[in-house]
Amino acid sequence: MDTRPDIFDRSLRARRRDRMLPGFAAHDFLHRAMLDELLERLGDVQRDLPEALLIGCPDDSARAALEGMGKRVASVDPAFLAARKAGGVQADEDALPFADASFDLVLACGTLDSVNDLPGALILMRRVLRPDGLMLAAFAGAGSLPRLKSALLAAEGDRPGQHVHPQVDVRAAGDLLSRAGFAMPVADGDMLTIRYGDIVRLMHDLRGMGAGNMLAHRPPPLTREVLMRAAAHFADSADSEGRIAEQMAIIYLSGWKPDPSQAQPARRGSATISLAEALKGKAQ
């Protein structure tokens, strides 16, 4: 049994995702960007993958798209109302309640940045896949919100609190993917730039997408004085039009459940010609 303390408050995470649902459409740009890219990558796959597990369903867009591809979709979400609205089950990604080899496709959109046990979640996602099944995931990664972090750090002075939770980078995510046992693992990233008029609008968007501070050990809320100083520091980065360019780093992962039918790397020492002979032939 895993006795490590949680990094994120599971109950608060679920409540915040539930609270965002009524107004999510006004703040869904990050989810849409991730989902569009995942669906494009899925469209390039020359496989049927009929049984799909969708992880993260703040609206019906991902389910509708997958069903439009002819897939049968089961849904899971960390939040109770989101899961019920999607006709799915509520569960955290590191505690998926499905039997091994249940799905041909797992698509996780926008939630893995705040799961307590990311390595464990990836292992479970591999386990619920059938052999030669595909996992696709997207989530916010390290490098996100640099302007906001800088403004909060400057505003709080010598004793800053951790108001933005830690995130993994592309390299670490790729390592975790390989260690989780996926074949042909791929991790890459993209940077999404959003221009804001002030820090309040940015924070409003973060709340609207359920992306507030969910750490189990959170600092006290920002005081009005600190928030005003942060707003001033944030505004210092404005361009000639009075807009501040904030960034969200998105990590994309893909991997396959190992299967004997997949192409395998050549066994070390199996070459029939030496490197020296090959180079000699080119030199002639």
Protein backbone atom coordinates (compact mmCIF):
# COMPACT_ATOMS: atom_id res chain seq x y z
CA MET A 1 0.00 0.00 0.00
CA ASP A 2 1.32 3.47 -0.97
CA THR A 3 1.66 5.56 2.19
CA ARG A 4 3.26 8.61 0.59
CA PRO A 5 1.38 11.84 1.42
CA ASP A 6 -0.67 13.38 -1.36
CA ILE A 7 0.77 16.37 -3.21
CA PHE A 8 -2.68 17.54 -4.27
CA ASP A 9 -5.88 17.75 -2.26
CA ARG A 10 -8.06 15.16 -4.01
CA SER A 11 -11.33 16.47 -2.57
CA LEU A 12 -10.56 20.09 -3.43
CA ARG A 13 -9.52 19.06 -6.94
CA ALA A 14 -12.87 17.37 -7.50
CA ARG A 15 -14.85 20.29 -6.04
CA ARG A 16 -13.06 22.87 -8.19
CA ARG A 17 -13.65 20.87 -11.34
CA ASP A 18 -17.32 20.56 -10.44
CA ARG A 19 -17.62 24.30 -9.73
CA MET A 20 -16.13 25.22 -13.10
CA LEU A 21 -18.71 23.27 -15.12
CA PRO A 22 -21.51 25.86 -15.50
CA GLY A 23 -19.21 28.51 -16.98
CA PHE A 24 -16.55 26.31 -18.54
CA ALA A 25 -17.42 27.23 -22.14
CA ALA A 26 -16.15 30.77 -21.52
CA HIS A 27 -12.73 29.46 -20.40
CA ASP A 28 -12.24 26.31 -22.47
CA PHE A 29 -9.51 27.57 -24.84
CA LEU A 30 -6.75 25.48 -23.25
CA HIS A 31 -8.86 22.31 -23.24
CA ARG A 32 -9.85 22.92 -26.88
CA ALA A 33 -6.25 23.45 -27.94
CA MET A 34 -5.18 20.20 -26.29
CA LEU A 35 -8.13 18.21 -27.58
CA ASP A 36 -7.76 19.46 -31.15
CA GLU A 37 -4.12 18.36 -31.21
CA LEU A 38 -4.87 14.96 -29.66
CA LEU A 39 -7.65 14.32 -32.18
CA GLU A 40 -5.39 15.33 -35.05
CA ARG A 41 -2.75 12.87 -33.86
CA LEU A 42 -5.37 10.18 -33.44
CA GLY A 43 -6.58 10.84 -36.97
CA ASP A 44 -3.10 9.98 -38.26
CA VAL A 45 -3.26 6.50 -36.72
CA GLN A 46 -4.06 3.78 -39.24
CA ARG A 47 -5.84 1.61 -36.70
CA ASP A 48 -9.48 1.17 -35.73
CA LEU A 49 -9.10 1.26 -31.89
CA PRO A 50 -12.85 0.80 -31.32
CA GLU A 51 -13.05 0.81 -27.49
CA ALA A 52 -11.92 4.11 -25.95
CA LEU A 53 -11.46 5.41 -22.42
CA LEU A 54 -11.75 9.19 -22.11
CA ILE A 55 -10.08 10.71 -19.04
CA GLY A 56 -11.19 14.27 -18.33
CA CYS A 57 -14.63 15.33 -19.56
CA PRO A 58 -15.50 18.92 -18.53
CA ASP A 59 -17.83 19.04 -21.54
CA ASP A 60 -19.08 16.65 -24.23
CA SER A 61 -16.68 17.77 -27.00
CA ALA A 62 -14.15 14.94 -26.65
CA ARG A 63 -16.79 12.24 -26.32
CA ALA A 64 -18.71 13.56 -29.34
CA ALA A 65 -15.54 13.64 -31.43
CA LEU A 66 -14.55 10.09 -30.51
CA GLU A 67 -18.05 8.77 -31.12
CA GLY A 68 -17.99 10.58 -34.45
CA MET A 69 -14.98 8.41 -35.31
CA GLY A 70 -17.08 5.34 -34.62
CA LYS A 71 -15.63 4.56 -31.19
CA ARG A 72 -17.46 3.28 -28.13
CA VAL A 73 -16.48 5.59 -25.29
CA ALA A 74 -16.28 5.12 -21.53
CA SER A 75 -15.63 8.28 -19.51
CA VAL A 76 -13.90 8.99 -16.22
CA ASP A 77 -13.29 12.30 -14.47
CA PRO A 78 -11.78 13.28 -11.10
CA ALA A 79 -14.93 15.33 -10.40
CA PHE A 80 -18.29 13.86 -9.40
CA LEU A 81 -20.63 16.12 -11.40
CA ALA A 82 -18.42 16.06 -14.48
CA ALA A 83 -18.34 12.26 -14.44
CA ARG A 84 -22.10 12.01 -13.91
CA LYS A 85 -22.84 14.52 -16.67
CA ALA A 86 -20.69 12.46 -19.06
CA GLY A 87 -22.41 9.22 -18.04
CA GLY A 88 -19.09 7.98 -16.71
CA VAL A 89 -17.46 7.20 -13.38
CA GLN A 90 -15.67 9.39 -10.89
CA ALA A 91 -12.09 8.35 -10.20
CA ASP A 92 -8.59 9.75 -10.02
CA GLU A 93 -6.20 8.81 -12.80
CA ASP A 94 -3.94 6.98 -10.35
CA ALA A 95 -6.86 4.80 -9.21
CA LEU A 96 -8.65 3.79 -12.42
CA PRO A 97 -11.42 1.27 -11.64
CA PHE A 98 -11.11 -0.79 -14.82
CA ALA A 99 -9.85 -4.29 -15.49
CA ASP A 100 -6.63 -4.87 -17.36
CA ALA A 101 -6.87 -4.98 -21.17
CA SER A 102 -10.29 -3.26 -21.30
CA PHE A 103 -9.66 -0.63 -24.00
CA ASP A 104 -7.94 -0.10 -27.33
CA LEU A 105 -7.44 3.62 -26.75
CA VAL A 106 -6.91 5.84 -23.70
CA LEU A 107 -7.21 9.58 -24.30
CA ALA A 108 -6.42 11.86 -21.32
CA CYS A 109 -7.03 15.56 -21.89
CA GLY A 110 -5.99 18.24 -19.44
CA THR A 111 -5.90 16.54 -16.04
CA LEU A 112 -2.55 14.79 -15.53
CA ASP A 113 -0.75 17.93 -14.32
CA SER A 114 -2.58 17.68 -10.98
CA VAL A 115 -2.71 13.92 -10.41
CA ASN A 116 -0.95 12.84 -7.23
CA ASP A 117 0.89 9.86 -8.69
CA LEU A 118 1.73 10.54 -12.32
CA PRO A 119 3.99 7.46 -12.71
CA GLY A 120 1.25 5.29 -11.21
CA ALA A 121 -1.39 6.86 -13.46
CA LEU A 122 0.67 6.12 -16.57
CA ILE A 123 1.19 2.52 -15.46
CA LEU A 124 -2.57 2.08 -14.93
CA MET A 125 -3.30 3.62 -18.31
CA ARG A 126 -0.98 1.07 -19.91
CA ARG A 127 -2.54 -1.78 -17.96
CA VAL A 128 -6.13 -0.98 -19.02
CA LEU A 129 -5.04 -1.01 -22.67
CA ARG A 130 -5.24 -4.14 -24.76
CA PRO A 131 -2.03 -5.27 -26.48
CA ASP A 132 -1.09 -2.82 -29.24
CA GLY A 133 -3.48 -0.25 -27.78
CA LEU A 134 -2.67 3.47 -27.86
CA MET A 135 -2.43 6.08 -25.11
CA LEU A 136 -2.62 9.79 -25.96
CA ALA A 137 -2.40 12.53 -23.31
CA ALA A 138 -2.06 16.29 -23.04
CA PHE A 139 -1.60 18.47 -19.97
CA ALA A 140 0.01 21.71 -18.79
CA GLY A 141 3.70 21.35 -18.06
CA ALA A 142 6.69 23.17 -16.62
CA GLY A 143 7.19 26.64 -18.09
CA SER A 144 3.52 27.57 -17.81
CA LEU A 145 2.44 30.99 -16.48
CA PRO A 146 5.89 32.65 -16.27
CA ARG A 147 4.47 36.19 -16.05
CA LEU A 148 2.07 35.28 -13.25
CA LYS A 149 4.75 33.44 -11.28
CA SER A 150 7.17 36.34 -11.63
CA ALA A 151 4.55 38.88 -10.55
CA LEU A 152 3.56 36.86 -7.46
CA LEU A 153 7.19 36.30 -6.50
CA ALA A 154 7.96 40.01 -6.74
CA ALA A 155 4.79 40.98 -4.85
CA GLU A 156 5.37 38.68 -1.89
CA GLY A 157 8.99 39.65 -1.32
CA ASP A 158 11.21 37.58 0.95
CA ARG A 159 8.61 34.96 1.98
CA PRO A 160 6.77 33.87 -1.19
CA GLY A 161 4.18 31.12 -1.07
CA GLN A 162 3.72 28.40 -3.65
CA HIS A 163 0.57 29.59 -5.37
CA VAL A 164 1.20 27.72 -8.64
CA HIS A 165 1.77 23.99 -8.26
CA PRO A 166 4.92 22.28 -9.59
CA GLN A 167 4.77 20.68 -13.03
CA VAL A 168 6.89 18.23 -15.00
CA ASP A 169 8.80 19.13 -18.14
CA VAL A 170 8.88 17.29 -21.46
CA ARG A 171 12.05 15.35 -20.70
CA ALA A 172 10.81 14.12 -17.32
CA ALA A 173 7.42 13.22 -18.82
CA GLY A 174 9.13 11.20 -21.55
CA ASP A 175 11.22 9.34 -18.96
CA LEU A 176 8.08 8.50 -16.97
CA LEU A 177 6.39 7.25 -20.12
CA SER A 178 9.24 4.86 -20.84
CA ARG A 179 9.45 3.66 -17.24
CA ALA A 180 5.69 3.01 -17.27
CA GLY A 181 6.32 0.32 -19.90
CA PHE A 182 4.97 1.93 -23.06
CA ALA A 183 6.39 0.91 -26.42
CA MET A 184 7.37 3.60 -28.94
CA PRO A 185 7.00 6.41 -26.35
CA VAL A 186 6.90 9.98 -27.62
CA ALA A 187 6.85 13.17 -25.53
CA ASP A 188 6.84 16.62 -27.05
CA GLY A 189 5.58 20.08 -26.20
CA ASP A 190 3.99 23.24 -27.52
CA MET A 191 3.64 26.76 -26.16
CA LEU A 192 0.29 28.55 -26.20
CA THR A 193 0.39 32.34 -25.83
CA ILE A 194 -2.61 34.26 -24.48
CA ARG A 195 -2.72 38.06 -24.22
CA TYR A 196 -4.35 39.62 -21.17
CA GLY A 197 -5.27 43.15 -20.19
CA ASP A 198 -4.63 42.54 -16.49
CA ILE A 199 -3.85 39.88 -13.91
CA VAL A 200 -7.46 39.69 -12.71
CA ARG A 201 -8.66 38.41 -16.07
CA LEU A 202 -5.92 35.76 -16.07
CA MET A 203 -6.89 34.57 -12.59
CA HIS A 204 -10.54 34.54 -13.66
CA ASP A 205 -9.64 32.24 -16.56
CA LEU A 206 -7.65 29.93 -14.27
CA ARG A 207 -10.59 29.62 -11.88
CA GLY A 208 -12.95 29.10 -14.81
CA MET A 209 -10.94 26.11 -16.05
CA GLY A 210 -10.55 24.63 -12.56
CA ALA A 211 -6.82 25.38 -12.49
CA GLY A 212 -6.42 27.07 -9.12
CA ASN A 213 -3.99 26.02 -6.41
CA MET A 214 -4.90 22.48 -5.35
CA LEU A 215 -1.82 21.64 -3.28
CA ALA A 216 -2.52 19.67 -0.13
CA HIS A 217 -0.40 22.19 1.80
CA ARG A 218 -1.39 25.56 0.38
CA PRO A 219 -0.20 29.00 1.48
CA PRO A 220 -2.79 31.44 2.82
CA PRO A 221 -4.84 33.31 0.20
CA LEU A 222 -3.28 36.41 -1.27
CA THR A 223 -4.06 39.59 0.63
CA ARG A 224 -5.48 42.59 -1.19
CA GLU A 225 -2.18 44.43 -0.82
CA VAL A 226 -0.15 41.56 -2.30
CA LEU A 227 -2.62 41.15 -5.15
CA MET A 228 -2.38 44.86 -5.98
CA ARG A 229 1.42 44.68 -6.05
CA ALA A 230 1.27 41.55 -8.22
CA ALA A 231 -1.10 43.30 -10.61
CA ALA A 232 1.34 46.19 -10.94
CA HIS A 233 4.28 43.86 -11.61
CA PHE A 234 2.19 41.92 -14.14
CA ALA A 235 1.26 45.16 -15.92
CA ASP A 236 4.95 46.09 -16.23
CA SER A 237 5.21 43.40 -18.94
CA ALA A 238 2.55 45.01 -21.13
CA ASP A 239 3.24 45.65 -24.80
CA SER A 240 2.48 48.85 -26.71
CA GLU A 241 -1.20 47.91 -26.80
CA GLY A 242 -1.38 47.42 -23.04
CA ARG A 243 -1.60 43.62 -23.29
CA ILE A 244 0.51 41.08 -21.40
CA ALA A 245 1.53 37.89 -23.20
CA GLU A 246 1.18 34.93 -20.83
CA GLN A 247 2.16 31.41 -21.83
CA MET A 248 0.93 27.88 -21.21
CA ALA A 249 3.34 25.03 -21.90
CA ILE A 250 1.49 21.95 -23.14
CA ILE A 251 3.01 18.48 -22.96
CA TYR A 252 1.81 15.77 -25.34
CA LEU A 253 2.43 12.08 -24.69
CA SER A 254 1.82 9.00 -26.80
CA GLY A 255 2.71 5.37 -26.28
CA TRP A 256 1.58 1.88 -27.21
CA LYS A 257 0.84 -1.16 -25.10
CA PRO A 258 3.62 -3.61 -26.04
CA ASP A 259 2.67 -6.41 -28.42
CA PRO A 260 4.80 -9.00 -30.27
CA SER A 261 3.44 -7.74 -33.60
CA GLN A 262 5.12 -4.35 -33.15
CA ALA A 263 8.39 -3.52 -34.86
CA GLN A 264 11.31 -4.34 -32.57
CA PRO A 265 14.77 -2.74 -32.46
CA ALA A 266 17.53 -4.98 -33.74
CA ARG A 267 19.19 -7.10 -31.06
CA ARG A 268 22.59 -5.77 -30.07
CA GLY A 269 25.34 -7.72 -31.85
CA SER A 270 23.01 -9.01 -34.57
CA ALA A 271 24.55 -6.95 -37.40
CA THR A 272 25.99 -8.96 -40.31
CA ILE A 273 28.58 -6.31 -41.26
CA SER A 274 30.92 -4.32 -39.02
CA LEU A 275 30.87 -0.55 -38.80
CA ALA A 276 34.48 -0.46 -40.04
CA GLU A 277 33.55 -2.44 -43.16
CA ALA A 278 30.55 -0.21 -43.83
CA LEU A 279 32.67 2.94 -43.57
CA LYS A 280 35.38 1.39 -45.76
CA GLY A 281 32.80 0.70 -48.45
CA LYS A 282 31.64 4.34 -48.42
CA ALA A 283 35.21 5.61 -48.66
CA GLN A 284 35.93 3.63 -51.85
